[in-house]
Amino acid sequence: MSNLTLPKHPTIADLQQYVRDMVIERGFTDQTVLQEYLMLTEEVGELAKCIRKSHANMRIDAKKKYELDAAGEIADILIVLTTIANKMGIDMEKAFREKEEINKQRVWQ
């Protein structure tokens, strides 16, 4: 059982610290950035299955069980993405703010 707690309304820095501590507690510190990226693409694929099943009006294998939870998959994506940022030494809030300033200057058609 984990002793980690996340504030009720966490900042991005709180989230990054929580995930950093969680990775240590669960013993995933030996994963490389490449391995984490592969996990990220897997989680994005699982979200794609959820969306395909519920919103894309596409045929699916009737015999196959699709018990994926979109909210859970989005949470997994956030966890893995945060882990990648941590391993690469990226402050996610700073990166977001800097990139958004660039995006504000773009002309969107």
C-alpha atoms as a PDB file:
ATOM      1  CA  MET A   1       0.000   0.000   0.000  1.00  0.00           C
ATOM      2  CA  SER A   2       1.257   3.424  -0.952  1.00  0.00           C
ATOM      3  CA  ASN A   3       1.796   6.324   1.425  1.00  0.00           C
ATOM      4  CA  LEU A   4       1.881   8.820  -1.435  1.00  0.00           C
ATOM      5  CA  THR A   5      -0.762  11.529  -1.529  1.00  0.00           C
ATOM      6  CA  LEU A   6      -1.611  14.068  -4.167  1.00  0.00           C
ATOM      7  CA  PRO A   7      -3.177  17.397  -3.143  1.00  0.00           C
ATOM      8  CA  LYS A   8      -6.868  17.762  -3.961  1.00  0.00           C
ATOM      9  CA  HIS A   9      -6.068  20.476  -6.517  1.00  0.00           C
ATOM     10  CA  PRO A  10      -2.492  19.705  -7.591  1.00  0.00           C
ATOM     11  CA  THR A  11      -0.307  22.032  -9.593  1.00  0.00           C
ATOM     12  CA  ILE A  12       1.638  20.630 -12.502  1.00  0.00           C
ATOM     13  CA  ALA A  13       4.713  20.674 -10.247  1.00  0.00           C
ATOM     14  CA  ASP A  14       2.776  18.666  -7.628  1.00  0.00           C
ATOM     15  CA  LEU A  15       1.838  16.133 -10.289  1.00  0.00           C
ATOM     16  CA  GLN A  16       5.426  15.851 -11.505  1.00  0.00           C
ATOM     17  CA  GLN A  17       6.688  15.294  -7.957  1.00  0.00           C
ATOM     18  CA  TYR A  18       3.973  12.742  -7.215  1.00  0.00           C
ATOM     19  CA  VAL A  19       4.798  10.762 -10.362  1.00  0.00           C
ATOM     20  CA  ARG A  20       8.534  11.012  -9.599  1.00  0.00           C
ATOM     21  CA  ASP A  21       7.926   9.555  -6.120  1.00  0.00           C
ATOM     22  CA  MET A  22       5.493   6.947  -7.475  1.00  0.00           C
ATOM     23  CA  VAL A  23       8.044   5.680 -10.000  1.00  0.00           C
ATOM     24  CA  ILE A  24      10.587   5.253  -7.205  1.00  0.00           C
ATOM     25  CA  GLU A  25       8.089   3.597  -4.853  1.00  0.00           C
ATOM     26  CA  ARG A  26       6.917   1.122  -7.509  1.00  0.00           C
ATOM     27  CA  GLY A  27      10.429   0.303  -8.706  1.00  0.00           C
ATOM     28  CA  PHE A  28      10.230   1.616 -12.268  1.00  0.00           C
ATOM     29  CA  THR A  29      13.371   3.758 -12.074  1.00  0.00           C
ATOM     30  CA  ASP A  30      15.294   1.516 -14.469  1.00  0.00           C
ATOM     31  CA  GLN A  31      12.980   2.272 -17.411  1.00  0.00           C
ATOM     32  CA  THR A  32      14.674   4.315 -20.125  1.00  0.00           C
ATOM     33  CA  VAL A  33      13.077   7.251 -21.914  1.00  0.00           C
ATOM     34  CA  LEU A  34      12.705   5.025 -24.977  1.00  0.00           C
ATOM     35  CA  GLN A  35      10.929   2.347 -22.932  1.00  0.00           C
ATOM     36  CA  GLU A  36       8.644   4.972 -21.429  1.00  0.00           C
ATOM     37  CA  TYR A  37       7.903   6.333 -24.907  1.00  0.00           C
ATOM     38  CA  LEU A  38       6.927   2.856 -26.056  1.00  0.00           C
ATOM     39  CA  MET A  39       4.604   2.634 -23.058  1.00  0.00           C
ATOM     40  CA  LEU A  40       3.125   6.002 -24.010  1.00  0.00           C
ATOM     41  CA  THR A  41       2.339   4.834 -27.534  1.00  0.00           C
ATOM     42  CA  GLU A  42       0.761   1.672 -26.112  1.00  0.00           C
ATOM     43  CA  GLU A  43      -1.458   3.722 -23.798  1.00  0.00           C
ATOM     44  CA  VAL A  44      -2.446   6.050 -26.658  1.00  0.00           C
ATOM     45  CA  GLY A  45      -3.387   2.938 -28.659  1.00  0.00           C
ATOM     46  CA  GLU A  46      -5.599   1.754 -25.804  1.00  0.00           C
ATOM     47  CA  LEU A  47      -7.323   5.146 -25.766  1.00  0.00           C
ATOM     48  CA  ALA A  48      -7.795   4.832 -29.526  1.00  0.00           C
ATOM     49  CA  LYS A  49      -9.576   1.507 -28.967  1.00  0.00           C
ATOM     50  CA  CYS A  50     -11.889   3.159 -26.450  1.00  0.00           C
ATOM     51  CA  ILE A  51     -12.713   5.965 -28.851  1.00  0.00           C
ATOM     52  CA  ARG A  52     -13.128   3.569 -31.754  1.00  0.00           C
ATOM     53  CA  LYS A  53     -15.499   1.423 -29.740  1.00  0.00           C
ATOM     54  CA  SER A  54     -17.643   4.253 -28.421  1.00  0.00           C
ATOM     55  CA  HIS A  55     -17.445   7.138 -30.900  1.00  0.00           C
ATOM     56  CA  ALA A  56     -16.180   6.102 -34.319  1.00  0.00           C
ATOM     57  CA  ASN A  57     -19.089   3.881 -35.363  1.00  0.00           C
ATOM     58  CA  MET A  58     -16.622   1.280 -36.638  1.00  0.00           C
ATOM     59  CA  ARG A  59     -16.997  -2.460 -36.645  1.00  0.00           C
ATOM     60  CA  ILE A  60     -15.292  -4.370 -33.858  1.00  0.00           C
ATOM     61  CA  ASP A  61     -14.698  -8.072 -33.224  1.00  0.00           C
ATOM     62  CA  ALA A  62     -17.899  -9.193 -31.475  1.00  0.00           C
ATOM     63  CA  LYS A  63     -16.081 -12.064 -29.744  1.00  0.00           C
ATOM     64  CA  LYS A  64     -13.299  -9.923 -28.344  1.00  0.00           C
ATOM     65  CA  LYS A  65     -13.715  -8.267 -24.943  1.00  0.00           C
ATOM     66  CA  TYR A  66     -13.222  -4.498 -25.000  1.00  0.00           C
ATOM     67  CA  GLU A  67     -13.266  -3.425 -21.386  1.00  0.00           C
ATOM     68  CA  LEU A  68     -11.099  -0.367 -21.715  1.00  0.00           C
ATOM     69  CA  ASP A  69     -11.906   2.755 -19.736  1.00  0.00           C
ATOM     70  CA  ALA A  70     -11.189   6.017 -21.579  1.00  0.00           C
ATOM     71  CA  ALA A  71     -10.712   8.004 -18.346  1.00  0.00           C
ATOM     72  CA  GLY A  72      -8.276   5.404 -17.064  1.00  0.00           C
ATOM     73  CA  GLU A  73      -6.368   5.392 -20.338  1.00  0.00           C
ATOM     74  CA  ILE A  74      -6.100   9.195 -20.298  1.00  0.00           C
ATOM     75  CA  ALA A  75      -4.779   8.975 -16.721  1.00  0.00           C
ATOM     76  CA  ASP A  76      -2.223   6.359 -17.827  1.00  0.00           C
ATOM     77  CA  ILE A  77      -1.133   8.645 -20.678  1.00  0.00           C
ATOM     78  CA  LEU A  78      -0.684  11.535 -18.243  1.00  0.00           C
ATOM     79  CA  ILE A  79       1.353   9.366 -15.862  1.00  0.00           C
ATOM     80  CA  VAL A  80       3.656   8.061 -18.583  1.00  0.00           C
ATOM     81  CA  LEU A  81       4.013  11.480 -20.235  1.00  0.00           C
ATOM     82  CA  THR A  82       4.898  12.991 -16.858  1.00  0.00           C
ATOM     83  CA  THR A  83       7.439  10.217 -16.282  1.00  0.00           C
ATOM     84  CA  ILE A  84       9.075  11.017 -19.621  1.00  0.00           C
ATOM     85  CA  ALA A  85       9.222  14.716 -18.737  1.00  0.00           C
ATOM     86  CA  ASN A  86      10.770  13.865 -15.369  1.00  0.00           C
ATOM     87  CA  LYS A  87      13.385  11.571 -16.909  1.00  0.00           C
ATOM     88  CA  MET A  88      14.277  14.270 -19.449  1.00  0.00           C
ATOM     89  CA  GLY A  89      14.460  17.017 -16.807  1.00  0.00           C
ATOM     90  CA  ILE A  90      11.584  18.980 -18.328  1.00  0.00           C
ATOM     91  CA  ASP A  91       9.504  21.308 -16.172  1.00  0.00           C
ATOM     92  CA  MET A  92       6.091  20.663 -17.735  1.00  0.00           C
ATOM     93  CA  GLU A  93       4.514  23.934 -16.633  1.00  0.00           C
ATOM     94  CA  LYS A  94       7.420  25.997 -17.942  1.00  0.00           C
ATOM     95  CA  ALA A  95       7.428  24.047 -21.216  1.00  0.00           C
ATOM     96  CA  PHE A  96       3.669  24.517 -21.590  1.00  0.00           C
ATOM     97  CA  ARG A  97       3.817  28.240 -20.931  1.00  0.00           C
ATOM     98  CA  GLU A  98       6.730  28.770 -23.326  1.00  0.00           C
ATOM     99  CA  LYS A  99       5.117  26.738 -26.099  1.00  0.00           C
ATOM    100  CA  GLU A 100       1.765  28.442 -25.623  1.00  0.00           C
ATOM    101  CA  GLU A 101       3.396  31.853 -26.078  1.00  0.00           C
ATOM    102  CA  ILE A 102       4.691  30.602 -29.446  1.00  0.00           C
ATOM    103  CA  ASN A 103       1.282  29.158 -30.330  1.00  0.00           C
ATOM    104  CA  LYS A 104      -0.450  32.470 -29.537  1.00  0.00           C
ATOM    105  CA  GLN A 105       1.563  34.112 -32.323  1.00  0.00           C
ATOM    106  CA  ARG A 106       0.488  31.582 -34.932  1.00  0.00           C
ATOM    107  CA  VAL A 107      -2.300  32.221 -37.393  1.00  0.00           C
ATOM    108  CA  TRP A 108      -4.690  29.278 -37.418  1.00  0.00           C
ATOM    109  CA  GLN A 109      -6.818  28.614 -40.481  1.00  0.00           C
END
